[in-house]
Amino acid sequence: MTPHAFRKIALRMQDAVEGAHMGHPDFRARGKIFATLAPDKKHGMVKLTPDQQIQFMLARPEMFEPASGAWGRQGCTMVRLDAADEETLGEAMTLAWQGIVAKKTPTRRAGKKR
């Protein structure tokens, strides 16, 4: 898997756009990040739930590992591009994208003052 192939998979998600975050590419839907490419060009990240993260790590430990610190405990999952295949990454990317688009954006109630 190359960074270009990772990018293509991310941008196949409906309404996905590429941006930049802290000096490296990110992929967003509805303004929220669901995946990133690391500056080292050897890793990507998909934003899974902790349960999804565990399932992918158990199935493909050579491909997936938690991001460091609190991000990893919240489900941010690093992808080793040299161990990745399109089908597995596509599944993980789809779940990451679904997790973002399923969240409702909070709205303010008109006329309510604090």
C-alpha atoms as a PDB file:
ATOM      1  CA  MET A   1       0.000   0.000   0.000  1.00  0.00           C
ATOM      2  CA  THR A   2       1.303   3.430  -0.912  1.00  0.00           C
ATOM      3  CA  PRO A   3       0.309   6.824   0.501  1.00  0.00           C
ATOM      4  CA  HIS A   4      -1.338   7.494  -2.888  1.00  0.00           C
ATOM      5  CA  ALA A   5      -3.452   4.321  -2.595  1.00  0.00           C
ATOM      6  CA  PHE A   6      -4.433   5.234   1.010  1.00  0.00           C
ATOM      7  CA  ARG A   7      -5.475   8.688  -0.250  1.00  0.00           C
ATOM      8  CA  LYS A   8      -7.563   7.175  -3.075  1.00  0.00           C
ATOM      9  CA  ILE A   9      -9.435   4.917  -0.645  1.00  0.00           C
ATOM     10  CA  ALA A  10     -10.133   7.822   1.717  1.00  0.00           C
ATOM     11  CA  LEU A  11     -11.370  10.087  -1.059  1.00  0.00           C
ATOM     12  CA  ARG A  12     -13.785   7.410  -2.307  1.00  0.00           C
ATOM     13  CA  MET A  13     -15.894   8.002   0.797  1.00  0.00           C
ATOM     14  CA  GLN A  14     -18.943  10.141   0.114  1.00  0.00           C
ATOM     15  CA  ASP A  15     -18.289  13.869   0.653  1.00  0.00           C
ATOM     16  CA  ALA A  16     -14.686  13.186   1.734  1.00  0.00           C
ATOM     17  CA  VAL A  17     -12.228  16.023   1.269  1.00  0.00           C
ATOM     18  CA  GLU A  18      -8.497  16.241   1.814  1.00  0.00           C
ATOM     19  CA  GLY A  19      -7.088  18.892   4.088  1.00  0.00           C
ATOM     20  CA  ALA A  20      -4.046  19.305   6.263  1.00  0.00           C
ATOM     21  CA  HIS A  21      -3.597  18.985  10.003  1.00  0.00           C
ATOM     22  CA  MET A  22      -0.344  19.617  11.846  1.00  0.00           C
ATOM     23  CA  GLY A  23       1.672  19.434   8.639  1.00  0.00           C
ATOM     24  CA  HIS A  24       0.270  16.231   7.188  1.00  0.00           C
ATOM     25  CA  PRO A  25      -2.731  15.258   5.029  1.00  0.00           C
ATOM     26  CA  ASP A  26      -6.056  14.501   6.659  1.00  0.00           C
ATOM     27  CA  PHE A  27      -9.358  13.285   5.289  1.00  0.00           C
ATOM     28  CA  ARG A  28     -12.625  14.727   6.520  1.00  0.00           C
ATOM     29  CA  ALA A  29     -16.348  14.346   6.139  1.00  0.00           C
ATOM     30  CA  ARG A  30     -18.700  16.980   7.521  1.00  0.00           C
ATOM     31  CA  GLY A  31     -15.642  18.841   8.765  1.00  0.00           C
ATOM     32  CA  LYS A  32     -14.468  15.971  11.009  1.00  0.00           C
ATOM     33  CA  ILE A  33     -11.292  13.936  10.502  1.00  0.00           C
ATOM     34  CA  PHE A  34     -11.745  10.210   9.876  1.00  0.00           C
ATOM     35  CA  ALA A  35      -8.249   9.391   8.564  1.00  0.00           C
ATOM     36  CA  THR A  36      -4.775  10.896   8.215  1.00  0.00           C
ATOM     37  CA  LEU A  37      -1.474  10.160   6.531  1.00  0.00           C
ATOM     38  CA  ALA A  38       1.615  10.407   8.733  1.00  0.00           C
ATOM     39  CA  PRO A  39       4.506  12.645   7.700  1.00  0.00           C
ATOM     40  CA  ASP A  40       6.773   9.564   7.510  1.00  0.00           C
ATOM     41  CA  LYS A  41       4.704   8.283   4.542  1.00  0.00           C
ATOM     42  CA  LYS A  42       4.849   4.815   6.118  1.00  0.00           C
ATOM     43  CA  HIS A  43       1.721   5.049   8.275  1.00  0.00           C
ATOM     44  CA  GLY A  44      -1.846   6.174   8.090  1.00  0.00           C
ATOM     45  CA  MET A  45      -4.461   6.523  10.798  1.00  0.00           C
ATOM     46  CA  VAL A  46      -8.135   5.598  10.820  1.00  0.00           C
ATOM     47  CA  LYS A  47     -10.463   6.808  13.549  1.00  0.00           C
ATOM     48  CA  LEU A  48     -12.273   3.697  14.792  1.00  0.00           C
ATOM     49  CA  THR A  49     -14.168   2.947  17.966  1.00  0.00           C
ATOM     50  CA  PRO A  50     -12.130   1.158  20.634  1.00  0.00           C
ATOM     51  CA  ASP A  51     -14.062  -2.071  19.954  1.00  0.00           C
ATOM     52  CA  GLN A  52     -13.460  -1.834  16.199  1.00  0.00           C
ATOM     53  CA  GLN A  53      -9.788  -1.124  16.864  1.00  0.00           C
ATOM     54  CA  ILE A  54      -9.458  -4.317  18.922  1.00  0.00           C
ATOM     55  CA  GLN A  55     -11.113  -6.408  16.212  1.00  0.00           C
ATOM     56  CA  PHE A  56      -8.795  -5.109  13.488  1.00  0.00           C
ATOM     57  CA  MET A  57      -5.702  -5.500  15.677  1.00  0.00           C
ATOM     58  CA  LEU A  58      -6.642  -9.091  16.519  1.00  0.00           C
ATOM     59  CA  ALA A  59      -7.302  -9.948  12.878  1.00  0.00           C
ATOM     60  CA  ARG A  60      -4.247  -8.150  11.438  1.00  0.00           C
ATOM     61  CA  PRO A  61      -1.682  -7.316  14.148  1.00  0.00           C
ATOM     62  CA  GLU A  62       1.004  -6.676  11.525  1.00  0.00           C
ATOM     63  CA  MET A  63      -1.166  -3.969   9.950  1.00  0.00           C
ATOM     64  CA  PHE A  64      -2.914  -2.205  12.862  1.00  0.00           C
ATOM     65  CA  GLU A  65      -1.799  -0.780  16.208  1.00  0.00           C
ATOM     66  CA  PRO A  66      -3.250   1.869  18.500  1.00  0.00           C
ATOM     67  CA  ALA A  67      -2.025   5.434  18.156  1.00  0.00           C
ATOM     68  CA  SER A  68      -0.035   6.565  21.165  1.00  0.00           C
ATOM     69  CA  GLY A  69      -1.612   7.920  24.318  1.00  0.00           C
ATOM     70  CA  ALA A  70      -5.204   8.984  24.749  1.00  0.00           C
ATOM     71  CA  TRP A  71      -5.835   9.090  21.004  1.00  0.00           C
ATOM     72  CA  GLY A  72      -5.124   5.371  20.765  1.00  0.00           C
ATOM     73  CA  ARG A  73      -7.301   4.575  23.771  1.00  0.00           C
ATOM     74  CA  GLN A  74     -10.151   6.427  22.037  1.00  0.00           C
ATOM     75  CA  GLY A  75      -9.820   4.268  18.905  1.00  0.00           C
ATOM     76  CA  CYS A  76      -7.359   6.139  16.677  1.00  0.00           C
ATOM     77  CA  THR A  77      -5.618   3.275  14.933  1.00  0.00           C
ATOM     78  CA  MET A  78      -2.326   3.401  13.074  1.00  0.00           C
ATOM     79  CA  VAL A  79      -2.032   1.502   9.792  1.00  0.00           C
ATOM     80  CA  ARG A  80       1.338   0.211   8.575  1.00  0.00           C
ATOM     81  CA  LEU A  81       1.116   0.901   4.866  1.00  0.00           C
ATOM     82  CA  ASP A  82       3.693  -1.755   3.935  1.00  0.00           C
ATOM     83  CA  ALA A  83       1.474  -4.410   5.563  1.00  0.00           C
ATOM     84  CA  ALA A  84      -1.877  -3.029   4.346  1.00  0.00           C
ATOM     85  CA  ASP A  85      -4.093  -4.397   1.627  1.00  0.00           C
ATOM     86  CA  GLU A  86      -6.863  -2.511  -0.146  1.00  0.00           C
ATOM     87  CA  GLU A  87      -9.750  -4.696   1.054  1.00  0.00           C
ATOM     88  CA  THR A  88      -8.889  -4.578   4.772  1.00  0.00           C
ATOM     89  CA  LEU A  89      -8.023  -0.892   4.707  1.00  0.00           C
ATOM     90  CA  GLY A  90     -11.240  -0.212   2.793  1.00  0.00           C
ATOM     91  CA  GLU A  91     -13.243  -1.912   5.543  1.00  0.00           C
ATOM     92  CA  ALA A  92     -11.488   0.047   8.294  1.00  0.00           C
ATOM     93  CA  MET A  93     -11.756   3.320   6.363  1.00  0.00           C
ATOM     94  CA  THR A  94     -15.469   2.783   5.762  1.00  0.00           C
ATOM     95  CA  LEU A  95     -16.071   2.228   9.486  1.00  0.00           C
ATOM     96  CA  ALA A  96     -14.032   5.333  10.326  1.00  0.00           C
ATOM     97  CA  TRP A  97     -16.034   7.393   7.814  1.00  0.00           C
ATOM     98  CA  GLN A  98     -19.348   5.976   9.061  1.00  0.00           C
ATOM     99  CA  GLY A  99     -18.408   6.889  12.628  1.00  0.00           C
ATOM    100  CA  ILE A 100     -17.982  10.510  11.571  1.00  0.00           C
ATOM    101  CA  VAL A 101     -21.064  10.883   9.376  1.00  0.00           C
ATOM    102  CA  ALA A 102     -23.304   9.098  11.886  1.00  0.00           C
ATOM    103  CA  LYS A 103     -22.597  11.738  14.545  1.00  0.00           C
ATOM    104  CA  LYS A 104     -25.113  14.513  14.642  1.00  0.00           C
ATOM    105  CA  THR A 105     -23.834  18.057  14.721  1.00  0.00           C
ATOM    106  CA  PRO A 106     -25.162  19.839  17.820  1.00  0.00           C
ATOM    107  CA  THR A 107     -27.465  22.733  17.077  1.00  0.00           C
ATOM    108  CA  ARG A 108     -28.360  25.688  19.217  1.00  0.00           C
ATOM    109  CA  ARG A 109     -31.960  26.273  20.061  1.00  0.00           C
ATOM    110  CA  ALA A 110     -33.115  29.653  18.837  1.00  0.00           C
ATOM    111  CA  GLY A 111     -34.077  32.149  21.505  1.00  0.00           C
ATOM    112  CA  LYS A 112     -32.452  30.296  24.370  1.00  0.00           C
ATOM    113  CA  LYS A 113     -30.129  32.512  26.397  1.00  0.00           C
ATOM    114  CA  ARG A 114     -27.598  31.454  28.980  1.00  0.00           C
END
